[in-house]
Amino acid sequence: MRLGFYGDDFTGSVDVLLQVARRGWTGRLFTRLPDRETLRAAAQGCDAVGVAGIARSLSTEQLEAEVRPVLTALASLDPQVLQYKACSTADSSPHVGSLGRALEIGRAVVGQQTARGEQPVPMLFAQPDFGRYTAFGHHFAREGETVYRLDRQPTMSSHPVTPMDESDLAVHLGRQTELGIGSLPFTAYSSVADVTQQIRESDVAGLVLDALGEQHLRLLGQALLDLGGFAIGSGGLSHALAAAEPGQAGPVPMATPARGPVLAVSGSRSAQTRRQIDAAARAGWMTAPLVVGRSGSGEHSTAEHSTAEHSASEHSLRERVLAALAAGQSVALSSDDADTSGLAAQEVLPALASAAAGMVEAAVRAGVGRAIVCGGDTSSRVTTLLGVESLSIAANPTGNVVLLRAHAADPAVDGLELLLKGGQVGDVDLFETIRGLGD
């Protein structure tokens, strides 16, 4: 096995599958840590094996229980590289989705399991084909047609959970750990051997790597394969590894047979997802806010009234959605206008995911064969709630957009085609593209 990886959300985990598949590697993604025999069998048959998680939305205190068992299990298979897959915008903080804590856990696990020593952990977040670049340690991210410095990018600078106020990744990540974080500029990239030596001899615990294009990625990919061990990074890191030593697997199909009307559910509140939902409405989709459950508060009678009111609203929405789908009309349900006023901040994401999963399950049992889930954290939770055990690539219609095939014990869910979409992923007309997709 060349690559073992833990993804800190589901959309990012899927991106690893796509990046390596494009370059001829075979891969498999589990939605939870399987038993040892299942994991070992996958490792024997695939170049890359991963487990999708939800670390990006967890508190720093919760990361130990989430991350260590998976990294330990993957490290025991002795992959050439063990990757902690993080978002290409490096969104994290000292309190939520801490990449500093992930660095600490990964260093401890790899040192214990592979005896490769305490060499610095390479950290590569750049993903140039997705508009993510790192230069002199500073990170940049495209939105629309403009590339912004990370702390000025409209979405990430105002992210509701992990707002980015620092573009220097060594500084940003250094706030999340007491370990030393440094950076290696692209001007130091004279050869694979030289980069390998500079990484190995660095006196920091984590080393941020620049990348502005394919040439940088190929050089870094070969250096990281030569080094082996633990690394942290985006799909750009996965791309780099597979591009350095391509495999022989066939090309990823661009389409699958048409599946009828589509249900889209969104926990993302990014501007791009909003534009996509608005475009779907103009194309004739039914659109509506998700109905989200509220926690009981105040007098008992008030809580009972709130619960009954929510139940009636949810039932009404479900009936409208199923009627539209039965008539051949696709549906998009958004969190933008969802009423979450009765929820504490930490309750919003689980409540949105639960509401979205309930709607998808109802649609699937009514015969819908293709669904879109928007938002990395929402995708992670919805997929888990649906009982999906593993995912494989069904098609790659465009860019970094991946249509997945769900594998589950439930016959209604098994075979469902899923697009798990990060908030900023895809063109404005993406929903219609997926609805009309057919080979």
Protein backbone atom coordinates (compact mmCIF):
# COMPACT_ATOMS: atom_id res chain seq x y z
CA MET A 1 0.00 0.00 0.00
CA ARG A 2 1.47 3.30 -1.08
CA LEU A 3 -0.84 5.62 0.84
CA GLY A 4 -2.91 5.29 3.97
CA PHE A 5 -4.99 8.32 4.85
CA TYR A 6 -7.39 9.72 7.40
CA GLY A 7 -9.66 12.47 6.07
CA ASP A 8 -10.85 15.11 8.51
CA ASP A 9 -14.12 15.38 6.59
CA PHE A 10 -15.87 13.30 3.94
CA THR A 11 -15.60 15.66 0.98
CA GLY A 12 -11.86 15.96 1.54
CA SER A 13 -11.51 12.20 1.86
CA VAL A 14 -13.27 11.75 -1.48
CA ASP A 15 -10.86 14.22 -3.04
CA VAL A 16 -7.99 11.88 -2.17
CA LEU A 17 -9.72 9.07 -4.06
CA LEU A 18 -10.12 11.32 -7.08
CA GLN A 19 -6.57 12.67 -7.07
CA VAL A 20 -4.96 9.24 -6.96
CA ALA A 21 -7.47 7.66 -9.39
CA ARG A 22 -6.69 10.30 -12.00
CA ARG A 23 -3.08 9.16 -11.89
CA GLY A 24 -3.71 5.46 -12.13
CA TRP A 25 -3.78 4.43 -8.47
CA THR A 26 -6.56 2.27 -7.07
CA GLY A 27 -8.27 3.31 -3.86
CA ARG A 28 -10.93 2.54 -1.31
CA LEU A 29 -12.57 4.80 1.26
CA PHE A 30 -14.27 3.59 4.44
CA THR A 31 -16.77 5.77 6.28
CA ARG A 32 -15.62 4.40 9.63
CA LEU A 33 -12.69 2.29 10.83
CA PRO A 34 -13.41 -1.31 9.73
CA ASP A 35 -12.16 -4.44 11.43
CA ARG A 36 -8.51 -5.36 10.97
CA GLU A 37 -9.17 -8.13 8.42
CA THR A 38 -11.28 -5.87 6.20
CA LEU A 39 -8.69 -3.11 6.35
CA ARG A 40 -5.82 -5.48 5.58
CA ALA A 41 -7.70 -7.00 2.62
CA ALA A 42 -8.25 -3.53 1.19
CA ALA A 43 -4.57 -2.69 1.66
CA GLN A 44 -3.54 -5.79 -0.23
CA GLY A 45 -5.67 -4.84 -3.22
CA CYS A 46 -5.33 -1.04 -3.40
CA ASP A 47 -2.65 1.62 -3.73
CA ALA A 48 -4.50 3.95 -1.37
CA VAL A 49 -6.81 3.10 1.55
CA GLY A 50 -8.50 5.71 3.70
CA VAL A 51 -10.99 6.31 6.46
CA ALA A 52 -13.24 9.36 6.34
CA GLY A 53 -13.81 11.14 9.62
CA ILE A 54 -15.22 14.31 11.13
CA ALA A 55 -12.17 15.74 12.90
CA ARG A 56 -12.49 19.09 11.18
CA SER A 57 -15.65 19.82 13.16
CA LEU A 58 -14.47 18.41 16.50
CA SER A 59 -13.03 20.16 19.53
CA THR A 60 -9.34 19.69 20.26
CA GLU A 61 -10.23 17.52 23.26
CA GLN A 62 -12.24 15.16 21.02
CA LEU A 63 -9.49 14.62 18.44
CA GLU A 64 -7.55 12.02 20.39
CA ALA A 65 -10.42 9.49 20.40
CA GLU A 66 -11.32 10.26 16.78
CA VAL A 67 -7.89 10.32 15.13
CA ARG A 68 -5.43 8.11 17.02
CA PRO A 69 -7.21 4.74 16.50
CA VAL A 70 -7.46 5.31 12.74
CA LEU A 71 -3.88 6.48 12.27
CA THR A 72 -2.66 3.59 14.42
CA ALA A 73 -4.60 1.03 12.38
CA LEU A 74 -3.38 2.47 9.07
CA ALA A 75 0.21 2.79 10.27
CA SER A 76 0.19 -0.90 11.26
CA LEU A 77 -0.17 -1.72 7.54
CA ASP A 78 3.13 0.11 6.90
CA PRO A 79 2.05 2.36 4.02
CA GLN A 80 4.77 4.25 2.20
CA VAL A 81 3.13 7.52 3.33
CA LEU A 82 0.51 8.05 6.03
CA GLN A 83 -1.48 11.22 5.32
CA TYR A 84 -3.73 13.27 7.57
CA LYS A 85 -5.92 14.76 4.87
CA ALA A 86 -6.83 18.35 5.68
CA CYS A 87 -8.73 20.97 3.73
CA SER A 88 -6.84 22.90 1.06
CA THR A 89 -7.74 26.10 2.91
CA ALA A 90 -6.12 24.76 6.10
CA ASP A 91 -9.22 25.80 8.04
CA SER A 92 -8.67 24.91 11.66
CA SER A 93 -8.16 26.64 14.96
CA PRO A 94 -6.72 25.96 18.41
CA HIS A 95 -10.22 24.93 19.50
CA VAL A 96 -11.89 23.27 16.47
CA GLY A 97 -10.33 20.83 13.99
CA SER A 98 -6.86 21.57 15.33
CA LEU A 99 -4.17 20.59 12.83
CA GLY A 100 -1.62 21.26 15.53
CA ARG A 101 -3.15 18.50 17.62
CA ALA A 102 -3.28 16.25 14.55
CA LEU A 103 0.45 16.87 14.11
CA GLU A 104 1.11 15.82 17.68
CA ILE A 105 -0.95 12.64 17.40
CA GLY A 106 0.49 11.65 14.03
CA ARG A 107 4.10 12.11 15.14
CA ALA A 108 3.47 9.93 18.17
CA VAL A 109 1.73 7.20 16.17
CA VAL A 110 4.24 7.00 13.34
CA GLY A 111 7.18 7.02 15.72
CA GLN A 112 5.66 4.13 17.66
CA GLN A 113 4.47 2.10 14.72
CA THR A 114 7.07 2.50 11.96
CA ALA A 115 10.29 3.27 13.84
CA ARG A 116 11.13 5.89 11.20
CA GLY A 117 12.31 8.34 13.80
CA GLU A 118 11.29 11.91 14.46
CA GLN A 119 11.89 13.54 11.10
CA PRO A 120 9.84 16.70 10.50
CA VAL A 121 6.30 16.23 9.24
CA PRO A 122 5.87 17.70 5.74
CA MET A 123 2.74 19.90 5.47
CA LEU A 124 1.46 20.59 1.95
CA PHE A 125 -1.85 22.44 1.59
CA ALA A 126 -1.42 23.85 -1.91
CA GLN A 127 -3.68 22.39 -4.59
CA PRO A 128 -3.05 24.50 -7.70
CA ASP A 129 -5.67 22.84 -9.92
CA PHE A 130 -8.25 23.88 -7.32
CA GLY A 131 -6.95 27.42 -6.99
CA ARG A 132 -4.97 26.90 -3.76
CA TYR A 133 -1.36 28.09 -3.68
CA THR A 134 1.39 28.50 -1.08
CA ALA A 135 4.25 30.94 -1.70
CA PHE A 136 6.92 31.82 0.88
CA GLY A 137 4.75 30.13 3.48
CA HIS A 138 1.70 32.29 2.77
CA HIS A 139 -1.46 30.61 1.51
CA PHE A 140 -3.80 31.81 -1.22
CA ALA A 141 -7.25 30.58 -2.29
CA ARG A 142 -9.33 31.33 -5.35
CA GLU A 143 -12.97 32.36 -5.12
CA GLY A 144 -14.69 32.92 -8.43
CA GLU A 145 -12.07 34.24 -10.81
CA THR A 146 -9.97 35.96 -8.15
CA VAL A 147 -7.13 34.50 -6.07
CA TYR A 148 -7.07 36.01 -2.57
CA ARG A 149 -4.59 35.83 0.25
CA LEU A 150 -6.17 33.39 2.71
CA ASP A 151 -7.00 35.98 5.34
CA ARG A 152 -8.76 38.10 2.71
CA GLN A 153 -10.61 35.33 0.87
CA PRO A 154 -14.32 36.21 1.25
CA THR A 155 -15.50 32.80 2.44
CA MET A 156 -12.60 31.70 4.62
CA SER A 157 -11.96 35.07 6.24
CA SER A 158 -15.55 35.02 7.54
CA HIS A 159 -15.99 31.27 8.08
CA PRO A 160 -18.56 30.78 10.88
CA VAL A 161 -16.46 28.22 12.79
CA THR A 162 -12.82 28.68 11.77
CA PRO A 163 -12.37 32.18 10.33
CA MET A 164 -8.95 32.67 8.80
CA ASP A 165 -7.14 35.79 10.02
CA GLU A 166 -3.59 34.70 9.13
CA SER A 167 -2.16 33.67 5.75
CA ASP A 168 1.28 32.59 7.01
CA LEU A 169 0.61 28.91 7.58
CA ALA A 170 3.52 28.43 9.99
CA VAL A 171 2.06 31.16 12.18
CA HIS A 172 -1.50 29.88 11.79
CA LEU A 173 -0.57 26.30 12.68
CA GLY A 174 1.89 27.40 15.36
CA ARG A 175 -1.04 28.78 17.34
CA GLN A 176 -2.39 25.24 17.60
CA THR A 177 0.59 23.44 19.11
CA GLU A 178 3.69 24.03 21.19
CA LEU A 179 5.73 22.11 18.61
CA GLY A 180 7.87 24.15 16.26
CA ILE A 181 6.46 24.91 12.78
CA GLY A 182 8.60 26.20 9.92
CA SER A 183 8.34 26.59 6.16
CA LEU A 184 10.41 25.75 3.08
CA PRO A 185 10.08 28.21 0.14
CA PHE A 186 9.85 27.06 -3.47
CA THR A 187 13.05 28.99 -4.23
CA ALA A 188 14.89 26.24 -2.33
CA TYR A 189 13.58 23.49 -4.64
CA SER A 190 16.70 22.68 -6.66
CA SER A 191 16.19 18.89 -6.86
CA VAL A 192 14.31 16.00 -5.25
CA ALA A 193 17.42 14.95 -3.35
CA ASP A 194 18.03 18.48 -2.08
CA VAL A 195 14.42 18.94 -0.90
CA THR A 196 14.48 15.54 0.78
CA GLN A 197 17.64 16.45 2.63
CA GLN A 198 16.31 19.87 3.68
CA ILE A 199 13.13 18.33 5.08
CA ARG A 200 15.02 15.58 6.90
CA GLU A 201 17.51 18.00 8.44
CA SER A 202 15.02 20.67 9.49
CA ASP A 203 14.88 21.22 13.25
CA VAL A 204 11.11 21.87 13.42
CA ALA A 205 8.31 19.37 14.05
CA GLY A 206 6.21 20.44 11.08
CA LEU A 207 7.39 22.00 7.82
CA VAL A 208 5.03 23.93 5.50
CA LEU A 209 5.89 23.38 1.83
CA ASP A 210 5.27 25.85 -1.01
CA ALA A 211 3.70 24.84 -4.32
CA LEU A 212 2.53 26.95 -7.24
CA GLY A 213 2.10 24.38 -9.99
CA GLU A 214 2.49 20.84 -11.27
CA GLN A 215 6.29 20.96 -11.39
CA HIS A 216 6.46 21.72 -7.69
CA LEU A 217 3.95 18.98 -6.86
CA ARG A 218 5.82 16.27 -8.78
CA LEU A 219 9.12 17.20 -7.15
CA LEU A 220 7.58 17.28 -3.68
CA GLY A 221 5.66 14.05 -4.28
CA GLN A 222 8.83 12.16 -5.08
CA ALA A 223 10.60 13.69 -2.09
CA LEU A 224 7.78 12.63 0.25
CA LEU A 225 7.70 9.10 -1.18
CA ASP A 226 11.45 8.89 -0.64
CA LEU A 227 11.12 10.16 2.92
CA GLY A 228 8.11 8.03 3.85
CA GLY A 229 6.30 8.43 7.17
CA PHE A 230 3.63 10.88 8.26
CA ALA A 231 2.49 13.96 6.33
CA ILE A 232 -0.33 16.47 6.62
CA GLY A 233 -1.97 18.06 3.63
CA SER A 234 -4.72 18.55 1.12
CA GLY A 235 -5.67 16.69 -2.02
CA GLY A 236 -2.66 18.48 -3.49
CA LEU A 237 -0.43 16.25 -1.37
CA SER A 238 -2.27 13.13 -2.60
CA HIS A 239 -1.97 14.44 -6.16
CA ALA A 240 1.74 15.00 -5.68
CA LEU A 241 2.40 11.45 -4.48
CA ALA A 242 0.49 9.75 -7.29
CA ALA A 243 1.82 12.10 -9.97
CA ALA A 244 5.39 11.29 -8.93
CA GLU A 245 4.87 7.56 -9.49
CA PRO A 246 1.71 7.01 -11.61
CA GLY A 247 -0.11 3.67 -11.59
CA GLN A 248 -1.75 1.59 -14.32
CA ALA A 249 -5.46 1.74 -13.45
CA GLY A 250 -7.86 2.85 -16.19
CA PRO A 251 -9.38 6.33 -16.50
CA VAL A 252 -12.24 7.48 -14.28
CA PRO A 253 -15.58 7.49 -16.20
CA MET A 254 -17.19 10.88 -16.78
CA ALA A 255 -20.80 9.72 -16.35
CA THR A 256 -23.15 6.95 -15.28
CA PRO A 257 -26.67 6.20 -16.57
CA ALA A 258 -29.25 8.89 -15.75
CA ARG A 259 -31.10 8.35 -12.47
CA GLY A 260 -34.14 10.67 -12.62
CA PRO A 261 -34.86 13.60 -10.28
CA VAL A 262 -32.24 14.60 -7.72
CA LEU A 263 -32.53 15.68 -4.09
CA ALA A 264 -29.95 18.20 -2.88
CA VAL A 265 -29.56 19.06 0.81
CA SER A 266 -27.23 21.77 2.04
CA GLY A 267 -25.65 22.53 5.39
CA SER A 268 -23.21 24.87 3.64
CA ARG A 269 -23.78 28.58 3.87
CA SER A 270 -21.11 29.56 1.36
CA ALA A 271 -21.91 32.13 -1.30
CA GLN A 272 -21.16 29.64 -4.09
CA THR A 273 -23.61 27.05 -2.75
CA ARG A 274 -26.23 29.80 -2.48
CA ARG A 275 -25.62 30.70 -6.12
CA GLN A 276 -25.94 27.04 -7.11
CA ILE A 277 -29.28 26.70 -5.32
CA ASP A 278 -30.55 29.92 -6.90
CA ALA A 279 -29.51 28.61 -10.33
CA ALA A 280 -31.33 25.34 -9.66
CA ALA A 281 -34.49 27.30 -8.76
CA ARG A 282 -34.28 29.17 -12.07
CA ALA A 283 -33.94 25.80 -13.82
CA GLY A 284 -37.22 24.61 -12.30
CA TRP A 285 -36.13 22.87 -9.10
CA MET A 286 -38.31 23.09 -6.02
CA THR A 287 -36.33 24.93 -3.32
CA ALA A 288 -37.12 25.35 0.38
CA PRO A 289 -35.39 25.75 3.75
CA LEU A 290 -34.62 22.64 5.78
CA VAL A 291 -36.82 22.19 8.84
CA VAL A 292 -34.51 21.78 11.80
CA GLY A 293 -35.46 20.44 15.22
CA ARG A 294 -35.10 22.76 18.19
CA SER A 295 -34.04 21.80 21.69
CA GLY A 296 -36.64 22.11 24.40
CA SER A 297 -36.23 25.04 26.79
CA GLY A 298 -38.35 26.88 29.25
CA GLU A 299 -41.55 25.38 30.62
CA HIS A 300 -42.41 21.79 29.77
CA SER A 301 -45.54 22.80 27.89
CA THR A 302 -43.52 25.22 25.76
CA ALA A 303 -41.03 22.50 24.86
CA GLU A 304 -43.86 20.12 23.95
CA HIS A 305 -45.47 22.76 21.76
CA SER A 306 -42.15 23.45 20.02
CA THR A 307 -41.59 19.74 19.35
CA ALA A 308 -45.11 19.25 17.98
CA GLU A 309 -44.80 22.33 15.78
CA HIS A 310 -41.48 21.10 14.41
CA SER A 311 -42.86 17.63 13.75
CA ALA A 312 -45.77 19.05 11.77
CA SER A 313 -43.50 21.35 9.75
CA GLU A 314 -41.06 18.52 9.01
CA HIS A 315 -43.91 16.23 7.92
CA SER A 316 -45.32 18.93 5.66
CA LEU A 317 -41.95 19.56 4.02
CA ARG A 318 -41.34 15.84 3.55
CA GLU A 319 -44.70 15.40 1.84
CA ARG A 320 -44.00 18.32 -0.49
CA VAL A 321 -40.54 17.01 -1.33
CA LEU A 322 -41.73 13.49 -2.06
CA ALA A 323 -44.60 14.77 -4.19
CA ALA A 324 -42.23 16.92 -6.26
CA LEU A 325 -39.77 14.06 -6.74
CA ALA A 326 -42.58 11.68 -7.72
CA ALA A 327 -43.63 14.20 -10.37
CA GLY A 328 -40.08 14.25 -11.75
CA GLN A 329 -39.09 17.62 -10.24
CA SER A 330 -35.70 17.85 -8.54
CA VAL A 331 -35.52 19.46 -5.09
CA ALA A 332 -32.91 21.53 -3.22
CA LEU A 333 -33.22 22.12 0.54
CA SER A 334 -31.03 24.81 2.06
CA SER A 335 -29.81 25.71 5.54
CA ASP A 336 -29.55 29.40 4.64
CA ASP A 337 -33.07 30.24 5.78
CA ALA A 338 -33.50 27.35 8.22
CA ASP A 339 -34.76 28.40 11.64
CA THR A 340 -32.09 27.42 14.18
CA SER A 341 -33.06 30.01 16.78
CA GLY A 342 -33.79 27.42 19.47
CA LEU A 343 -30.37 25.76 19.20
CA ALA A 344 -27.08 26.42 20.93
CA ALA A 345 -24.16 27.02 18.59
CA GLN A 346 -22.76 23.49 19.05
CA GLU A 347 -26.18 21.99 18.29
CA VAL A 348 -26.65 23.57 14.87
CA LEU A 349 -24.46 21.26 12.77
CA PRO A 350 -25.81 17.98 14.23
CA ALA A 351 -29.38 19.26 13.87
CA LEU A 352 -28.87 20.33 10.25
CA ALA A 353 -27.22 17.00 9.41
CA SER A 354 -30.01 15.03 11.06
CA ALA A 355 -32.68 16.96 9.16
CA ALA A 356 -30.81 16.56 5.87
CA ALA A 357 -30.21 12.82 6.39
CA GLY A 358 -33.87 12.28 7.19
CA MET A 359 -34.92 13.90 3.93
CA VAL A 360 -32.37 11.93 1.89
CA GLU A 361 -33.44 8.65 3.49
CA ALA A 362 -37.11 9.35 2.74
CA ALA A 363 -36.27 10.20 -0.87
CA VAL A 364 -34.12 7.10 -1.32
CA ARG A 365 -36.87 4.84 0.01
CA ALA A 366 -39.20 6.51 -2.49
CA GLY A 367 -36.88 5.50 -5.33
CA VAL A 368 -34.50 8.45 -5.78
CA GLY A 369 -31.14 7.18 -6.98
CA ARG A 370 -28.95 10.29 -6.90
CA ALA A 371 -28.45 12.91 -4.17
CA ILE A 372 -26.27 15.96 -3.54
CA VAL A 373 -25.04 16.87 -0.04
CA CYS A 374 -23.41 20.30 0.30
CA GLY A 375 -20.90 21.18 3.02
CA GLY A 376 -17.91 19.16 4.15
CA ASP A 377 -19.01 18.72 7.77
CA THR A 378 -22.63 18.11 6.75
CA SER A 379 -21.57 15.49 4.19
CA SER A 380 -19.59 13.63 6.82
CA ARG A 381 -22.51 13.38 9.20
CA VAL A 382 -25.24 12.71 6.62
CA THR A 383 -23.28 9.85 5.07
CA THR A 384 -22.78 8.28 8.49
CA LEU A 385 -26.43 8.70 9.44
CA LEU A 386 -27.48 6.97 6.20
CA GLY A 387 -25.46 3.90 7.22
CA VAL A 388 -22.99 4.09 4.31
CA GLU A 389 -20.06 1.75 5.02
CA SER A 390 -17.73 2.63 2.16
CA LEU A 391 -17.58 4.71 -1.02
CA SER A 392 -16.16 4.22 -4.48
CA ILE A 393 -15.92 6.58 -7.45
CA ALA A 394 -18.79 6.25 -9.91
CA ALA A 395 -17.87 9.18 -12.18
CA ASN A 396 -15.86 12.40 -12.42
CA PRO A 397 -18.02 14.59 -14.66
CA THR A 398 -15.95 17.76 -14.34
CA GLY A 399 -13.06 19.28 -12.42
CA ASN A 400 -12.91 18.17 -8.80
CA VAL A 401 -16.56 17.10 -8.82
CA VAL A 402 -16.95 13.40 -7.96
CA LEU A 403 -20.06 11.25 -8.14
CA LEU A 404 -19.74 8.43 -5.62
CA ARG A 405 -21.37 5.04 -5.25
CA ALA A 406 -22.49 4.21 -1.70
CA HIS A 407 -21.97 0.71 -0.31
CA ALA A 408 -24.28 -0.14 2.60
CA ALA A 409 -26.03 -3.07 4.24
CA ASP A 410 -29.39 -1.34 3.69
CA PRO A 411 -30.53 -2.30 0.15
CA ALA A 412 -32.28 1.05 -0.26
CA VAL A 413 -29.04 2.96 0.36
CA ASP A 414 -26.65 0.51 -1.34
CA GLY A 415 -25.89 1.78 -4.84
CA LEU A 416 -27.09 5.33 -4.16
CA GLU A 417 -25.08 7.87 -6.16
CA LEU A 418 -23.87 10.73 -3.98
CA LEU A 419 -22.23 14.02 -4.74
CA LEU A 420 -20.58 15.19 -1.51
CA LYS A 421 -19.72 18.80 -2.22
CA GLY A 422 -17.64 21.27 -0.29
CA GLY A 423 -19.23 24.70 0.00
CA GLN A 424 -17.06 26.36 -2.63
CA VAL A 425 -16.87 23.43 -5.08
CA GLY A 426 -18.46 23.44 -8.53
CA ASP A 427 -19.78 25.83 -11.15
CA VAL A 428 -22.99 27.76 -10.63
CA ASP A 429 -24.98 25.28 -12.75
CA LEU A 430 -23.57 22.22 -10.95
CA PHE A 431 -26.92 20.92 -9.67
CA GLU A 432 -28.41 20.85 -13.17
CA THR A 433 -25.26 19.20 -14.50
CA ILE A 434 -25.63 16.38 -11.97
CA ARG A 435 -29.38 16.07 -12.59
CA GLY A 436 -28.88 15.70 -16.32
CA LEU A 437 -25.78 13.51 -16.10
CA GLY A 438 -26.10 10.31 -18.11
CA ASP A 439 -23.89 8.22 -20.35
